[in-house]
Amino acid sequence: MLFANFAEAVAEGRSKAQAAALRAQRKEIVAKKLYEPRRDAQVFLTPSSELGAGMIVLVEAGDFIPADGEVIEGVASVDESAITGESAPVIREAAVTSAR
């Protein structure tokens, strides 16, 4: 029991330290902001710190994702290993809505 508590405390300390290190390395990413949810819409380069809820950005292969969000068109393979510690990329897809 003592060892289990110690191991859990060490793991929690490591994850907090890793999160702090990632925050320290945070840098400004330029986002490709769109005013319309179309791939061929005009692109405006915007600092990620100026993005807000409801804004639409275009992310293409090899781009860094500028903020947390939802895939509205297409499919994304996201490497979250630096944050989650998982080794496999996460697949995100656009939500499918059924027509009534």
C-alpha atoms as a PDB file:
ATOM      1  CA  MET A   1       0.000   0.000   0.000  1.00  0.00           C
ATOM      2  CA  LEU A   2       2.815   2.390   0.888  1.00  0.00           C
ATOM      3  CA  PHE A   3       4.622   1.671  -2.378  1.00  0.00           C
ATOM      4  CA  ALA A   4       1.449   2.217  -4.419  1.00  0.00           C
ATOM      5  CA  ASN A   5       0.851   5.620  -2.799  1.00  0.00           C
ATOM      6  CA  PHE A   6       4.481   6.607  -3.343  1.00  0.00           C
ATOM      7  CA  ALA A   7       4.380   5.533  -7.024  1.00  0.00           C
ATOM      8  CA  GLU A   8       1.176   7.497  -7.581  1.00  0.00           C
ATOM      9  CA  ALA A   9       2.677  10.610  -5.963  1.00  0.00           C
ATOM     10  CA  VAL A  10       5.811  10.346  -8.121  1.00  0.00           C
ATOM     11  CA  ALA A  11       3.734   9.930 -11.308  1.00  0.00           C
ATOM     12  CA  GLU A  12       1.581  12.937 -10.405  1.00  0.00           C
ATOM     13  CA  GLY A  13       4.679  15.037  -9.715  1.00  0.00           C
ATOM     14  CA  ARG A  14       6.180  14.079 -13.066  1.00  0.00           C
ATOM     15  CA  SER A  15       3.002  14.941 -14.969  1.00  0.00           C
ATOM     16  CA  LYS A  16       2.773  18.349 -13.259  1.00  0.00           C
ATOM     17  CA  ALA A  17       6.422  19.033 -14.072  1.00  0.00           C
ATOM     18  CA  GLN A  18       5.896  18.014 -17.701  1.00  0.00           C
ATOM     19  CA  ALA A  19       2.838  20.276 -18.005  1.00  0.00           C
ATOM     20  CA  ALA A  20       4.809  23.192 -16.522  1.00  0.00           C
ATOM     21  CA  ALA A  21       7.664  22.576 -18.963  1.00  0.00           C
ATOM     22  CA  LEU A  22       5.237  22.547 -21.897  1.00  0.00           C
ATOM     23  CA  ARG A  23       3.672  25.821 -20.743  1.00  0.00           C
ATOM     24  CA  ALA A  24       7.152  27.372 -20.509  1.00  0.00           C
ATOM     25  CA  GLN A  25       7.896  26.315 -24.094  1.00  0.00           C
ATOM     26  CA  ARG A  26       4.606  27.675 -25.424  1.00  0.00           C
ATOM     27  CA  LYS A  27       5.127  29.843 -28.452  1.00  0.00           C
ATOM     28  CA  GLU A  28       2.897  31.913 -30.649  1.00  0.00           C
ATOM     29  CA  ILE A  29       1.559  29.971 -33.627  1.00  0.00           C
ATOM     30  CA  VAL A  30       0.103  31.701 -36.652  1.00  0.00           C
ATOM     31  CA  ALA A  31      -3.392  30.394 -37.431  1.00  0.00           C
ATOM     32  CA  LYS A  32      -5.075  30.379 -40.832  1.00  0.00           C
ATOM     33  CA  LYS A  33      -8.379  31.975 -39.837  1.00  0.00           C
ATOM     34  CA  LEU A  34     -11.371  31.655 -42.159  1.00  0.00           C
ATOM     35  CA  TYR A  35     -14.497  33.813 -42.065  1.00  0.00           C
ATOM     36  CA  GLU A  36     -16.552  31.109 -43.806  1.00  0.00           C
ATOM     37  CA  PRO A  37     -16.469  27.332 -43.176  1.00  0.00           C
ATOM     38  CA  ARG A  38     -15.253  26.567 -46.707  1.00  0.00           C
ATOM     39  CA  ARG A  39     -11.850  25.229 -47.728  1.00  0.00           C
ATOM     40  CA  ASP A  40     -11.590  27.768 -50.572  1.00  0.00           C
ATOM     41  CA  ALA A  41     -12.521  30.770 -48.380  1.00  0.00           C
ATOM     42  CA  GLN A  42     -10.068  33.634 -47.992  1.00  0.00           C
ATOM     43  CA  VAL A  43      -7.366  32.951 -45.361  1.00  0.00           C
ATOM     44  CA  PHE A  44      -6.306  35.568 -42.805  1.00  0.00           C
ATOM     45  CA  LEU A  45      -3.096  34.908 -40.852  1.00  0.00           C
ATOM     46  CA  THR A  46      -3.858  35.535 -37.167  1.00  0.00           C
ATOM     47  CA  PRO A  47      -1.810  34.941 -33.990  1.00  0.00           C
ATOM     48  CA  SER A  48      -3.254  31.987 -32.067  1.00  0.00           C
ATOM     49  CA  SER A  49      -3.551  34.145 -28.935  1.00  0.00           C
ATOM     50  CA  GLU A  50      -6.240  36.183 -30.729  1.00  0.00           C
ATOM     51  CA  LEU A  51      -8.436  33.163 -31.523  1.00  0.00           C
ATOM     52  CA  GLY A  52     -11.728  32.835 -29.699  1.00  0.00           C
ATOM     53  CA  ALA A  53     -14.748  30.566 -29.438  1.00  0.00           C
ATOM     54  CA  GLY A  54     -16.581  30.028 -32.703  1.00  0.00           C
ATOM     55  CA  MET A  55     -13.690  31.043 -34.950  1.00  0.00           C
ATOM     56  CA  ILE A  56     -12.827  28.733 -37.837  1.00  0.00           C
ATOM     57  CA  VAL A  57      -9.245  27.855 -38.751  1.00  0.00           C
ATOM     58  CA  LEU A  58      -7.764  25.833 -41.589  1.00  0.00           C
ATOM     59  CA  VAL A  59      -5.229  23.187 -40.538  1.00  0.00           C
ATOM     60  CA  GLU A  60      -3.396  21.340 -43.287  1.00  0.00           C
ATOM     61  CA  ALA A  61      -1.003  18.387 -43.177  1.00  0.00           C
ATOM     62  CA  GLY A  62       2.113  19.262 -41.180  1.00  0.00           C
ATOM     63  CA  ASP A  63       0.583  22.330 -39.507  1.00  0.00           C
ATOM     64  CA  PHE A  64       0.555  22.861 -35.764  1.00  0.00           C
ATOM     65  CA  ILE A  65      -2.947  23.063 -34.323  1.00  0.00           C
ATOM     66  CA  PRO A  66      -3.249  26.612 -32.933  1.00  0.00           C
ATOM     67  CA  ALA A  67      -5.959  25.956 -30.329  1.00  0.00           C
ATOM     68  CA  ASP A  68      -8.301  23.333 -28.954  1.00  0.00           C
ATOM     69  CA  GLY A  69     -11.297  22.805 -31.178  1.00  0.00           C
ATOM     70  CA  GLU A  70     -13.536  20.532 -33.158  1.00  0.00           C
ATOM     71  CA  VAL A  71     -13.028  19.080 -36.629  1.00  0.00           C
ATOM     72  CA  ILE A  72     -15.881  20.356 -38.801  1.00  0.00           C
ATOM     73  CA  GLU A  73     -14.721  18.907 -42.127  1.00  0.00           C
ATOM     74  CA  GLY A  74     -12.396  16.041 -42.949  1.00  0.00           C
ATOM     75  CA  VAL A  75     -10.260  13.855 -40.707  1.00  0.00           C
ATOM     76  CA  ALA A  76      -7.226  14.692 -38.570  1.00  0.00           C
ATOM     77  CA  SER A  77      -4.494  12.487 -37.157  1.00  0.00           C
ATOM     78  CA  VAL A  78      -3.267  14.390 -34.109  1.00  0.00           C
ATOM     79  CA  ASP A  79      -0.031  13.569 -32.271  1.00  0.00           C
ATOM     80  CA  GLU A  80      -0.835  14.432 -28.647  1.00  0.00           C
ATOM     81  CA  SER A  81       2.075  12.418 -27.242  1.00  0.00           C
ATOM     82  CA  ALA A  82       3.858  15.455 -25.805  1.00  0.00           C
ATOM     83  CA  ILE A  83       0.809  16.227 -23.675  1.00  0.00           C
ATOM     84  CA  THR A  84      -0.802  12.864 -22.920  1.00  0.00           C
ATOM     85  CA  GLY A  85       2.226  10.572 -22.995  1.00  0.00           C
ATOM     86  CA  GLU A  86       0.429   8.184 -25.350  1.00  0.00           C
ATOM     87  CA  SER A  87       2.532   6.786 -28.175  1.00  0.00           C
ATOM     88  CA  ALA A  88      -0.191   6.433 -30.820  1.00  0.00           C
ATOM     89  CA  PRO A  89      -1.723   9.421 -32.643  1.00  0.00           C
ATOM     90  CA  VAL A  90      -5.376  10.221 -32.022  1.00  0.00           C
ATOM     91  CA  ILE A  91      -7.782  10.228 -34.977  1.00  0.00           C
ATOM     92  CA  ARG A  92     -10.331  13.049 -35.000  1.00  0.00           C
ATOM     93  CA  GLU A  93     -13.200  13.174 -37.485  1.00  0.00           C
ATOM     94  CA  ALA A  94     -15.904  15.657 -38.323  1.00  0.00           C
ATOM     95  CA  ALA A  95     -19.074  14.952 -36.384  1.00  0.00           C
ATOM     96  CA  VAL A  96     -21.735  13.331 -38.525  1.00  0.00           C
ATOM     97  CA  THR A  97     -25.203  14.788 -38.097  1.00  0.00           C
ATOM     98  CA  SER A  98     -28.242  12.928 -39.335  1.00  0.00           C
ATOM     99  CA  ALA A  99     -30.852  14.783 -41.380  1.00  0.00           C
ATOM    100  CA  ARG A 100     -34.436  14.449 -40.224  1.00  0.00           C
END
